[in-house]
Amino acid sequence: LWCLQLIFVSTPALLVAMHVAYRKRENKKIVLASNGTEKT
C-alpha cells in the first residue's frame, strides 16, 4: 500500500518533468532558428 502511495504521489511530478522537457525543446528550436544551426 505504501509503495502504491509513493508511486501515485510521485506521478504528478513526472507530468511536470514532461512539461519542462517540452519547454526546453521549444526554446532550443527558437535559439536554432534565430542564431542559425552553424552559429549555435
PDB file of all heavy atoms in Angstrom:
ATOM      1  N   LEU A   1       0.831  -1.202   0.000  1.00  0.00           N
ATOM      2  CA  LEU A   1       0.000   0.000   0.000  1.00  0.00           C
ATOM      3  C   LEU A   1       0.867   1.254   0.000  1.00  0.00           C
ATOM      4  O   LEU A   1       0.586   2.219  -0.720  1.00  0.00           O
ATOM      5  CB  LEU A   1      -0.924  -0.016   1.218  1.00  0.00           C
ATOM      6  CG  LEU A   1      -1.968   1.116   1.288  1.00  0.00           C
ATOM      7  CD1 LEU A   1      -2.957   0.995   0.128  1.00  0.00           C
ATOM      8  CD2 LEU A   1      -2.714   1.079   2.613  1.00  0.00           C
ATOM      9  N   TRP A   2       1.956   1.254   0.774  1.00  0.00           N
ATOM     10  CA  TRP A   2       2.848   2.419   0.792  1.00  0.00           C
ATOM     11  C   TRP A   2       3.608   2.556  -0.518  1.00  0.00           C
ATOM     12  O   TRP A   2       3.871   3.677  -0.967  1.00  0.00           O
ATOM     13  CB  TRP A   2       3.819   2.287   1.969  1.00  0.00           C
ATOM     14  CG  TRP A   2       3.191   2.601   3.283  1.00  0.00           C
ATOM     15  CD1 TRP A   2       2.209   3.523   3.523  1.00  0.00           C
ATOM     16  CD2 TRP A   2       3.470   1.986   4.545  1.00  0.00           C
ATOM     17  NE1 TRP A   2       1.863   3.528   4.854  1.00  0.00           N
ATOM     18  CE2 TRP A   2       2.617   2.600   5.504  1.00  0.00           C
ATOM     19  CE3 TRP A   2       4.343   0.994   4.967  1.00  0.00           C
ATOM     20  CZ2 TRP A   2       2.635   2.250   6.852  1.00  0.00           C
ATOM     21  CZ3 TRP A   2       4.360   0.635   6.304  1.00  0.00           C
ATOM     22  CH2 TRP A   2       3.523   1.255   7.241  1.00  0.00           C
ATOM     23  N   CYS A   3       3.970   1.442  -1.149  1.00  0.00           N
ATOM     24  CA  CYS A   3       4.624   1.520  -2.462  1.00  0.00           C
ATOM     25  C   CYS A   3       3.686   2.130  -3.503  1.00  0.00           C
ATOM     26  O   CYS A   3       4.091   2.987  -4.303  1.00  0.00           O
ATOM     27  CB  CYS A   3       5.093   0.136  -2.903  1.00  0.00           C
ATOM     28  SG  CYS A   3       6.522  -0.503  -2.018  1.00  0.00           S
ATOM     29  N   LEU A   4       2.433   1.701  -3.500  1.00  0.00           N
ATOM     30  CA  LEU A   4       1.450   2.301  -4.405  1.00  0.00           C
ATOM     31  C   LEU A   4       1.271   3.785  -4.114  1.00  0.00           C
ATOM     32  O   LEU A   4       1.159   4.607  -5.037  1.00  0.00           O
ATOM     33  CB  LEU A   4       0.110   1.569  -4.271  1.00  0.00           C
ATOM     34  CG  LEU A   4      -0.012   0.198  -4.935  1.00  0.00           C
ATOM     35  CD1 LEU A   4      -1.358  -0.428  -4.589  1.00  0.00           C
ATOM     36  CD2 LEU A   4       0.148   0.319  -6.440  1.00  0.00           C
ATOM     37  N   GLN A   5       1.255   4.140  -2.832  1.00  0.00           N
ATOM     38  CA  GLN A   5       1.106   5.541  -2.464  1.00  0.00           C
ATOM     39  C   GLN A   5       2.263   6.377  -2.994  1.00  0.00           C
ATOM     40  O   GLN A   5       2.059   7.465  -3.554  1.00  0.00           O
ATOM     41  CB  GLN A   5       1.014   5.668  -0.949  1.00  0.00           C
ATOM     42  CG  GLN A   5       0.825   7.107  -0.460  1.00  0.00           C
ATOM     43  CD  GLN A   5       0.746   7.182   1.052  1.00  0.00           C
ATOM     44  OE1 GLN A   5       0.926   6.186   1.744  1.00  0.00           O
ATOM     45  NE2 GLN A   5       0.495   8.369   1.570  1.00  0.00           N
ATOM     46  N   LEU A   6       3.484   5.892  -2.846  1.00  0.00           N
ATOM     47  CA  LEU A   6       4.648   6.634  -3.324  1.00  0.00           C
ATOM     48  C   LEU A   6       4.640   6.769  -4.844  1.00  0.00           C
ATOM     49  O   LEU A   6       5.014   7.817  -5.390  1.00  0.00           O
ATOM     50  CB  LEU A   6       5.927   5.944  -2.855  1.00  0.00           C
ATOM     51  CG  LEU A   6       6.202   5.994  -1.355  1.00  0.00           C
ATOM     52  CD1 LEU A   6       7.417   5.150  -1.004  1.00  0.00           C
ATOM     53  CD2 LEU A   6       6.395   7.426  -0.895  1.00  0.00           C
ATOM     54  N   ILE A   7       4.201   5.727  -5.534  1.00  0.00           N
ATOM     55  CA  ILE A   7       4.140   5.795  -7.000  1.00  0.00           C
ATOM     56  C   ILE A   7       3.097   6.815  -7.439  1.00  0.00           C
ATOM     57  O   ILE A   7       3.354   7.658  -8.317  1.00  0.00           O
ATOM     58  CB  ILE A   7       3.840   4.405  -7.578  1.00  0.00           C
ATOM     59  CG1 ILE A   7       5.041   3.482  -7.368  1.00  0.00           C
ATOM     60  CG2 ILE A   7       3.509   4.505  -9.068  1.00  0.00           C
ATOM     61  CD1 ILE A   7       4.770   2.042  -7.734  1.00  0.00           C
ATOM     62  N   PHE A   8       1.918   6.781  -6.826  1.00  0.00           N
ATOM     63  CA  PHE A   8       0.866   7.716  -7.209  1.00  0.00           C
ATOM     64  C   PHE A   8       1.238   9.150  -6.840  1.00  0.00           C
ATOM     65  O   PHE A   8       0.943  10.083  -7.591  1.00  0.00           O
ATOM     66  CB  PHE A   8      -0.452   7.324  -6.535  1.00  0.00           C
ATOM     67  CG  PHE A   8      -1.255   6.326  -7.309  1.00  0.00           C
ATOM     68  CD1 PHE A   8      -1.009   4.964  -7.177  1.00  0.00           C
ATOM     69  CD2 PHE A   8      -2.251   6.733  -8.166  1.00  0.00           C
ATOM     70  CE1 PHE A   8      -1.745   4.038  -7.887  1.00  0.00           C
ATOM     71  CE2 PHE A   8      -2.998   5.815  -8.889  1.00  0.00           C
ATOM     72  CZ  PHE A   8      -2.744   4.455  -8.743  1.00  0.00           C
ATOM     73  N   VAL A   9       1.875   9.336  -5.678  1.00  0.00           N
ATOM     74  CA  VAL A   9       2.242  10.690  -5.250  1.00  0.00           C
ATOM     75  C   VAL A   9       3.332  11.276  -6.137  1.00  0.00           C
ATOM     76  O   VAL A   9       3.352  12.493  -6.404  1.00  0.00           O
ATOM     77  CB  VAL A   9       2.682  10.658  -3.770  1.00  0.00           C
ATOM     78  CG1 VAL A   9       3.357  11.957  -3.370  1.00  0.00           C
ATOM     79  CG2 VAL A   9       1.486  10.412  -2.868  1.00  0.00           C
ATOM     80  N   SER A  10       4.229  10.432  -6.634  1.00  0.00           N
ATOM     81  CA  SER A  10       5.332  10.925  -7.467  1.00  0.00           C
ATOM     82  C   SER A  10       4.951  11.099  -8.930  1.00  0.00           C
ATOM     83  O   SER A  10       5.671  11.778  -9.670  1.00  0.00           O
ATOM     84  CB  SER A  10       6.521   9.967  -7.368  1.00  0.00           C
ATOM     85  OG  SER A  10       6.914   9.778  -6.032  1.00  0.00           O
ATOM     86  N   THR A  11       3.848  10.490  -9.358  1.00  0.00           N
ATOM     87  CA  THR A  11       3.468  10.574 -10.771  1.00  0.00           C
ATOM     88  C   THR A  11       3.200  12.008 -11.243  1.00  0.00           C
ATOM     89  O   THR A  11       3.622  12.375 -12.351  1.00  0.00           O
ATOM     90  CB  THR A  11       2.231   9.692 -11.023  1.00  0.00           C
ATOM     91  OG1 THR A  11       2.555   8.339 -10.703  1.00  0.00           O
ATOM     92  CG2 THR A  11       1.788   9.775 -12.474  1.00  0.00           C
ATOM     93  N   PRO A  12       2.509  12.881 -10.471  1.00  0.00           N
ATOM     94  CA  PRO A  12       2.328  14.263 -10.949  1.00  0.00           C
ATOM     95  C   PRO A  12       3.629  15.000 -11.205  1.00  0.00           C
ATOM     96  O   PRO A  12       3.689  15.866 -12.092  1.00  0.00           O
ATOM     97  CB  PRO A  12       1.529  14.928  -9.813  1.00  0.00           C
ATOM     98  CG  PRO A  12       0.799  13.804  -9.175  1.00  0.00           C
ATOM     99  CD  PRO A  12       1.722  12.639  -9.247  1.00  0.00           C
ATOM    100  N   ALA A  13       4.690  14.672 -10.455  1.00  0.00           N
ATOM    101  CA  ALA A  13       5.986  15.310 -10.718  1.00  0.00           C
ATOM    102  C   ALA A  13       6.527  14.912 -12.084  1.00  0.00           C
ATOM    103  O   ALA A  13       7.243  15.699 -12.728  1.00  0.00           O
ATOM    104  CB  ALA A  13       6.980  14.950  -9.617  1.00  0.00           C
ATOM    105  N   LEU A  14       6.194  13.711 -12.555  1.00  0.00           N
ATOM    106  CA  LEU A  14       6.623  13.298 -13.889  1.00  0.00           C
ATOM    107  C   LEU A  14       5.924  14.113 -14.976  1.00  0.00           C
ATOM    108  O   LEU A  14       6.494  14.360 -16.040  1.00  0.00           O
ATOM    109  CB  LEU A  14       6.341  11.806 -14.082  1.00  0.00           C
ATOM    110  CG  LEU A  14       7.039  10.864 -13.093  1.00  0.00           C
ATOM    111  CD1 LEU A  14       6.677   9.422 -13.399  1.00  0.00           C
ATOM    112  CD2 LEU A  14       8.536  11.064 -13.129  1.00  0.00           C
ATOM    113  N   LEU A  15       4.683  14.534 -14.712  1.00  0.00           N
ATOM    114  CA  LEU A  15       3.998  15.416 -15.656  1.00  0.00           C
ATOM    115  C   LEU A  15       4.732  16.753 -15.775  1.00  0.00           C
ATOM    116  O   LEU A  15       4.874  17.309 -16.865  1.00  0.00           O
ATOM    117  CB  LEU A  15       2.553  15.633 -15.218  1.00  0.00           C
ATOM    118  CG  LEU A  15       1.671  14.386 -15.151  1.00  0.00           C
ATOM    119  CD1 LEU A  15       0.281  14.747 -14.636  1.00  0.00           C
ATOM    120  CD2 LEU A  15       1.576  13.735 -16.520  1.00  0.00           C
ATOM    121  N   VAL A  16       5.203  17.261 -14.639  1.00  0.00           N
ATOM    122  CA  VAL A  16       5.995  18.497 -14.662  1.00  0.00           C
ATOM    123  C   VAL A  16       7.287  18.271 -15.431  1.00  0.00           C
ATOM    124  O   VAL A  16       7.742  19.145 -16.182  1.00  0.00           O
ATOM    125  CB  VAL A  16       6.279  18.976 -13.230  1.00  0.00           C
ATOM    126  CG1 VAL A  16       7.133  20.239 -13.236  1.00  0.00           C
ATOM    127  CG2 VAL A  16       4.978  19.233 -12.485  1.00  0.00           C
ATOM    128  N   ALA A  17       7.905  17.096 -15.269  1.00  0.00           N
ATOM    129  CA  ALA A  17       9.144  16.793 -15.997  1.00  0.00           C
ATOM    130  C   ALA A  17       8.906  16.781 -17.505  1.00  0.00           C
ATOM    131  O   ALA A  17       9.729  17.301 -18.279  1.00  0.00           O
ATOM    132  CB  ALA A  17       9.697  15.447 -15.534  1.00  0.00           C
ATOM    133  N   MET A  18       7.788  16.216 -17.928  1.00  0.00           N
ATOM    134  CA  MET A  18       7.472  16.216 -19.359  1.00  0.00           C
ATOM    135  C   MET A  18       7.219  17.627 -19.868  1.00  0.00           C
ATOM    136  O   MET A  18       7.632  17.979 -20.982  1.00  0.00           O
ATOM    137  CB  MET A  18       6.269  15.316 -19.619  1.00  0.00           C
ATOM    138  CG  MET A  18       6.555  13.845 -19.449  1.00  0.00           C
ATOM    139  SD  MET A  18       5.216  12.774 -19.994  1.00  0.00           S
ATOM    140  CE  MET A  18       3.978  13.144 -18.765  1.00  0.00           C
ATOM    141  N   HIS A  19       6.539  18.464 -19.073  1.00  0.00           N
ATOM    142  CA  HIS A  19       6.305  19.848 -19.480  1.00  0.00           C
ATOM    143  C   HIS A  19       7.615  20.620 -19.586  1.00  0.00           C
ATOM    144  O   HIS A  19       7.825  21.393 -20.517  1.00  0.00           O
ATOM    145  CB  HIS A  19       5.368  20.531 -18.490  1.00  0.00           C
ATOM    146  CG  HIS A  19       4.799  21.818 -19.004  1.00  0.00           C
ATOM    147  ND1 HIS A  19       3.511  22.218 -18.735  1.00  0.00           N
ATOM    148  CD2 HIS A  19       5.323  22.807 -19.780  1.00  0.00           C
ATOM    149  CE1 HIS A  19       3.282  23.377 -19.319  1.00  0.00           C
ATOM    150  NE2 HIS A  19       4.373  23.766 -19.935  1.00  0.00           N
ATOM    151  N   VAL A  20       8.524  20.400 -18.629  1.00  0.00           N
ATOM    152  CA  VAL A  20       9.824  21.072 -18.666  1.00  0.00           C
ATOM    153  C   VAL A  20      10.615  20.639 -19.900  1.00  0.00           C
ATOM    154  O   VAL A  20      11.248  21.468 -20.575  1.00  0.00           O
ATOM    155  CB  VAL A  20      10.605  20.781 -17.368  1.00  0.00           C
ATOM    156  CG1 VAL A  20      12.059  21.214 -17.499  1.00  0.00           C
ATOM    157  CG2 VAL A  20       9.958  21.489 -16.188  1.00  0.00           C
ATOM    158  N   ALA A  21      10.593  19.337 -20.212  1.00  0.00           N
ATOM    159  CA  ALA A  21      11.295  18.855 -21.407  1.00  0.00           C
ATOM    160  C   ALA A  21      10.710  19.465 -22.678  1.00  0.00           C
ATOM    161  O   ALA A  21      11.452  19.822 -23.618  1.00  0.00           O
ATOM    162  CB  ALA A  21      11.230  17.330 -21.461  1.00  0.00           C
ATOM    163  N   TYR A  22       9.392  19.613 -22.719  1.00  0.00           N
ATOM    164  CA  TYR A  22       8.754  20.243 -23.882  1.00  0.00           C
ATOM    165  C   TYR A  22       9.163  21.705 -24.014  1.00  0.00           C
ATOM    166  O   TYR A  22       9.479  22.173 -25.123  1.00  0.00           O
ATOM    167  CB  TYR A  22       7.237  20.120 -23.741  1.00  0.00           C
ATOM    168  CG  TYR A  22       6.470  20.911 -24.773  1.00  0.00           C
ATOM    169  CD1 TYR A  22       6.350  20.456 -26.081  1.00  0.00           C
ATOM    170  CD2 TYR A  22       5.849  22.129 -24.437  1.00  0.00           C
ATOM    171  CE1 TYR A  22       5.648  21.181 -27.026  1.00  0.00           C
ATOM    172  CE2 TYR A  22       5.152  22.854 -25.378  1.00  0.00           C
ATOM    173  CZ  TYR A  22       5.052  22.383 -26.670  1.00  0.00           C
ATOM    174  OH  TYR A  22       4.356  23.110 -27.604  1.00  0.00           O
ATOM    175  N   ARG A  23       9.179  22.433 -22.875  1.00  0.00           N
ATOM    176  CA  ARG A  23       9.588  23.844 -22.912  1.00  0.00           C
ATOM    177  C   ARG A  23      11.034  23.988 -23.374  1.00  0.00           C
ATOM    178  O   ARG A  23      11.368  24.895 -24.165  1.00  0.00           O
ATOM    179  CB  ARG A  23       9.419  24.453 -21.527  1.00  0.00           C
ATOM    180  CG  ARG A  23       7.986  24.807 -21.144  1.00  0.00           C
ATOM    181  CD  ARG A  23       7.596  26.188 -21.682  1.00  0.00           C
ATOM    182  NE  ARG A  23       8.477  27.201 -21.160  1.00  0.00           N
ATOM    183  CZ  ARG A  23       8.287  27.850 -20.008  1.00  0.00           C
ATOM    184  NH1 ARG A  23       7.247  27.535 -19.242  1.00  0.00           N
ATOM    185  NH2 ARG A  23       9.118  28.792 -19.611  1.00  0.00           N
ATOM    186  N   LYS A  24      11.907  23.128 -22.912  1.00  0.00           N
ATOM    187  CA  LYS A  24      13.314  23.212 -23.307  1.00  0.00           C
ATOM    188  C   LYS A  24      13.493  22.888 -24.784  1.00  0.00           C
ATOM    189  O   LYS A  24      14.322  23.519 -25.472  1.00  0.00           O
ATOM    190  CB  LYS A  24      14.146  22.260 -22.452  1.00  0.00           C
ATOM    191  CG  LYS A  24      14.351  22.756 -21.029  1.00  0.00           C
ATOM    192  CD  LYS A  24      15.351  21.898 -20.295  1.00  0.00           C
ATOM    193  CE  LYS A  24      15.666  22.494 -18.930  1.00  0.00           C
ATOM    194  NZ  LYS A  24      16.699  21.731 -18.204  1.00  0.00           N
ATOM    195  N   ARG A  25      12.731  21.943 -25.293  1.00  0.00           N
ATOM    196  CA  ARG A  25      12.815  21.633 -26.710  1.00  0.00           C
ATOM    197  C   ARG A  25      12.333  22.793 -27.559  1.00  0.00           C
ATOM    198  O   ARG A  25      12.926  23.117 -28.606  1.00  0.00           O
ATOM    199  CB  ARG A  25      12.012  20.366 -27.015  1.00  0.00           C
ATOM    200  CG  ARG A  25      12.182  19.885 -28.446  1.00  0.00           C
ATOM    201  CD  ARG A  25      11.577  18.526 -28.664  1.00  0.00           C
ATOM    202  NE  ARG A  25      10.127  18.541 -28.483  1.00  0.00           N
ATOM    203  CZ  ARG A  25       9.507  17.973 -27.460  1.00  0.00           C
ATOM    204  NH1 ARG A  25      10.199  17.356 -26.514  1.00  0.00           N
ATOM    205  NH2 ARG A  25       8.200  18.018 -27.359  1.00  0.00           N
ATOM    206  N   GLU A  26      11.276  23.471 -27.120  1.00  0.00           N
ATOM    207  CA  GLU A  26      10.794  24.634 -27.849  1.00  0.00           C
ATOM    208  C   GLU A  26      11.801  25.783 -27.794  1.00  0.00           C
ATOM    209  O   GLU A  26      12.031  26.472 -28.798  1.00  0.00           O
ATOM    210  CB  GLU A  26       9.449  25.089 -27.262  1.00  0.00           C
ATOM    211  CG  GLU A  26       8.310  24.116 -27.504  1.00  0.00           C
ATOM    212  CD  GLU A  26       8.018  23.930 -28.980  1.00  0.00           C
ATOM    213  OE1 GLU A  26       8.041  24.942 -29.700  1.00  0.00           O
ATOM    214  OE2 GLU A  26       7.759  22.781 -29.395  1.00  0.00           O
ATOM    215  N   ASN A  27      12.424  25.994 -26.625  1.00  0.00           N
ATOM    216  CA  ASN A  27      13.446  27.037 -26.524  1.00  0.00           C
ATOM    217  C   ASN A  27      14.651  26.729 -27.405  1.00  0.00           C
ATOM    218  O   ASN A  27      15.267  27.640 -27.994  1.00  0.00           O
ATOM    219  CB  ASN A  27      13.889  27.196 -25.068  1.00  0.00           C
ATOM    220  CG  ASN A  27      12.785  27.748 -24.180  1.00  0.00           C
ATOM    221  OD1 ASN A  27      11.851  28.385 -24.663  1.00  0.00           O
ATOM    222  ND2 ASN A  27      12.890  27.509 -22.889  1.00  0.00           N
ATOM    223  N   LYS A  28      15.003  25.452 -27.504  1.00  0.00           N
ATOM    224  CA  LYS A  28      16.112  25.062 -28.371  1.00  0.00           C
ATOM    225  C   LYS A  28      15.787  25.346 -29.833  1.00  0.00           C
ATOM    226  O   LYS A  28      16.643  25.835 -30.594  1.00  0.00           O
ATOM    227  CB  LYS A  28      16.407  23.583 -28.166  1.00  0.00           C
ATOM    228  CG  LYS A  28      17.579  23.072 -28.981  1.00  0.00           C
ATOM    229  CD  LYS A  28      17.824  21.597 -28.707  1.00  0.00           C
ATOM    230  CE  LYS A  28      18.966  21.065 -29.555  1.00  0.00           C
ATOM    231  NZ  LYS A  28      19.197  19.614 -29.305  1.00  0.00           N
ATOM    232  N   LYS A  29      14.550  25.076 -30.240  1.00  0.00           N
ATOM    233  CA  LYS A  29      14.157  25.384 -31.621  1.00  0.00           C
ATOM    234  C   LYS A  29      14.221  26.880 -31.890  1.00  0.00           C
ATOM    235  O   LYS A  29      14.645  27.317 -32.975  1.00  0.00           O
ATOM    236  CB  LYS A  29      12.737  24.865 -31.877  1.00  0.00           C
ATOM    237  CG  LYS A  29      12.627  23.355 -31.937  1.00  0.00           C
ATOM    238  CD  LYS A  29      11.197  22.932 -32.200  1.00  0.00           C
ATOM    239  CE  LYS A  29      11.056  21.411 -32.248  1.00  0.00           C
ATOM    240  NZ  LYS A  29       9.643  21.003 -32.490  1.00  0.00           N
ATOM    241  N   ILE A  30      13.804  27.688 -30.908  1.00  0.00           N
ATOM    242  CA  ILE A  30      13.834  29.142 -31.088  1.00  0.00           C
ATOM    243  C   ILE A  30      15.268  29.632 -31.222  1.00  0.00           C
ATOM    244  O   ILE A  30      15.581  30.483 -32.084  1.00  0.00           O
ATOM    245  CB  ILE A  30      13.120  29.833 -29.913  1.00  0.00           C
ATOM    246  CG1 ILE A  30      11.630  29.507 -29.937  1.00  0.00           C
ATOM    247  CG2 ILE A  30      13.336  31.344 -29.963  1.00  0.00           C
ATOM    248  CD1 ILE A  30      10.877  30.007 -28.729  1.00  0.00           C
ATOM    249  N   VAL A  31      16.175  29.116 -30.391  1.00  0.00           N
ATOM    250  CA  VAL A  31      17.587  29.537 -30.466  1.00  0.00           C
ATOM    251  C   VAL A  31      18.207  29.129 -31.785  1.00  0.00           C
ATOM    252  O   VAL A  31      18.937  29.911 -32.418  1.00  0.00           O
ATOM    253  CB  VAL A  31      18.363  28.933 -29.276  1.00  0.00           C
ATOM    254  CG1 VAL A  31      19.858  29.143 -29.439  1.00  0.00           C
ATOM    255  CG2 VAL A  31      17.904  29.553 -27.969  1.00  0.00           C
ATOM    256  N   LEU A  32      17.924  27.926 -32.251  1.00  0.00           N
ATOM    257  CA  LEU A  32      18.471  27.470 -33.531  1.00  0.00           C
ATOM    258  C   LEU A  32      17.910  28.269 -34.700  1.00  0.00           C
ATOM    259  O   LEU A  32      18.615  28.549 -35.669  1.00  0.00           O
ATOM    260  CB  LEU A  32      18.178  25.980 -33.724  1.00  0.00           C
ATOM    261  CG  LEU A  32      18.906  25.015 -32.778  1.00  0.00           C
ATOM    262  CD1 LEU A  32      18.437  23.586 -33.018  1.00  0.00           C
ATOM    263  CD2 LEU A  32      20.412  25.115 -32.960  1.00  0.00           C
ATOM    264  N   ALA A  33      16.637  28.669 -34.599  1.00  0.00           N
ATOM    265  CA  ALA A  33      16.038  29.449 -35.687  1.00  0.00           C
ATOM    266  C   ALA A  33      16.558  30.876 -35.714  1.00  0.00           C
ATOM    267  O   ALA A  33      16.720  31.459 -36.791  1.00  0.00           O
ATOM    268  CB  ALA A  33      14.519  29.447 -35.538  1.00  0.00           C
ATOM    269  N   SER A  34      16.839  31.462 -34.554  1.00  0.00           N
ATOM    270  CA  SER A  34      17.301  32.847 -34.513  1.00  0.00           C
ATOM    271  C   SER A  34      18.790  32.976 -34.821  1.00  0.00           C
ATOM    272  O   SER A  34      19.209  33.874 -35.545  1.00  0.00           O
ATOM    273  CB  SER A  34      17.008  33.462 -33.141  1.00  0.00           C
ATOM    274  OG  SER A  34      17.652  32.703 -32.124  1.00  0.00           O
ATOM    275  N   ASN A  35      19.604  32.087 -34.283  1.00  0.00           N
ATOM    276  CA  ASN A  35      21.054  32.179 -34.482  1.00  0.00           C
ATOM    277  C   ASN A  35      21.544  31.391 -35.684  1.00  0.00           C
ATOM    278  O   ASN A  35      22.633  31.660 -36.194  1.00  0.00           O
ATOM    279  CB  ASN A  35      21.794  31.682 -33.231  1.00  0.00           C
ATOM    280  CG  ASN A  35      21.494  32.545 -32.026  1.00  0.00           C
ATOM    281  OD1 ASN A  35      21.093  33.695 -32.150  1.00  0.00           O
ATOM    282  ND2 ASN A  35      21.690  31.973 -30.839  1.00  0.00           N
ATOM    283  N   GLY A  36      20.785  30.410 -36.101  1.00  0.00           N
ATOM    284  CA  GLY A  36      21.252  29.548 -37.168  1.00  0.00           C
ATOM    285  C   GLY A  36      21.945  28.321 -36.604  1.00  0.00           C
ATOM    286  O   GLY A  36      22.562  28.362 -35.533  1.00  0.00           O
ATOM    287  N   THR A  37      21.880  27.228 -37.328  1.00  0.00           N
ATOM    288  CA  THR A  37      22.463  25.984 -36.840  1.00  0.00           C
ATOM    289  C   THR A  37      23.975  26.062 -36.763  1.00  0.00           C
ATOM    290  O   THR A  37      24.604  25.520 -35.851  1.00  0.00           O
ATOM    291  CB  THR A  37      22.040  24.820 -37.760  1.00  0.00           C
ATOM    292  OG1 THR A  37      20.616  24.821 -37.890  1.00  0.00           O
ATOM    293  CG2 THR A  37      22.503  23.483 -37.197  1.00  0.00           C
ATOM    294  N   GLU A  38      24.610  26.740 -37.711  1.00  0.00           N
ATOM    295  CA  GLU A  38      26.068  26.799 -37.729  1.00  0.00           C
ATOM    296  C   GLU A  38      26.618  27.727 -36.654  1.00  0.00           C
ATOM    297  O   GLU A  38      27.680  27.472 -36.089  1.00  0.00           O
ATOM    298  CB  GLU A  38      26.540  27.260 -39.113  1.00  0.00           C
ATOM    299  CG  GLU A  38      26.151  26.286 -40.228  1.00  0.00           C
ATOM    300  CD  GLU A  38      26.607  26.787 -41.589  1.00  0.00           C
ATOM    301  OE1 GLU A  38      27.129  27.931 -41.642  1.00  0.00           O
ATOM    302  OE2 GLU A  38      26.447  26.048 -42.575  1.00  0.00           O
ATOM    303  N   LYS A  39      25.907  28.835 -36.345  1.00  0.00           N
ATOM    304  CA  LYS A  39      26.392  29.792 -35.353  1.00  0.00           C
ATOM    305  C   LYS A  39      26.139  29.326 -33.916  1.00  0.00           C
ATOM    306  O   LYS A  39      26.792  29.804 -32.998  1.00  0.00           O
ATOM    307  CB  LYS A  39      25.726  31.152 -35.582  1.00  0.00           C
ATOM    308  CG  LYS A  39      26.111  31.810 -36.892  1.00  0.00           C
ATOM    309  CD  LYS A  39      25.457  33.172 -37.021  1.00  0.00           C
ATOM    310  CE  LYS A  39      25.848  33.850 -38.327  1.00  0.00           C
ATOM    311  NZ  LYS A  39      25.226  35.177 -38.478  1.00  0.00           N
ATOM    312  N   THR A  40      25.196  28.449 -33.724  1.00  0.00           N
ATOM    313  CA  THR A  40      24.891  27.972 -32.383  1.00  0.00           C
ATOM    314  C   THR A  40      25.939  26.953 -31.941  1.00  0.00           C
ATOM    315  O   THR A  40      26.137  25.929 -32.593  1.00  0.00           O
ATOM    316  CB  THR A  40      23.503  27.323 -32.340  1.00  0.00           C
ATOM    317  OG1 THR A  40      22.539  28.262 -32.816  1.00  0.00           O
ATOM    318  CG2 THR A  40      23.144  26.916 -30.919  1.00  0.00           C
TER     319      THR A  40
END
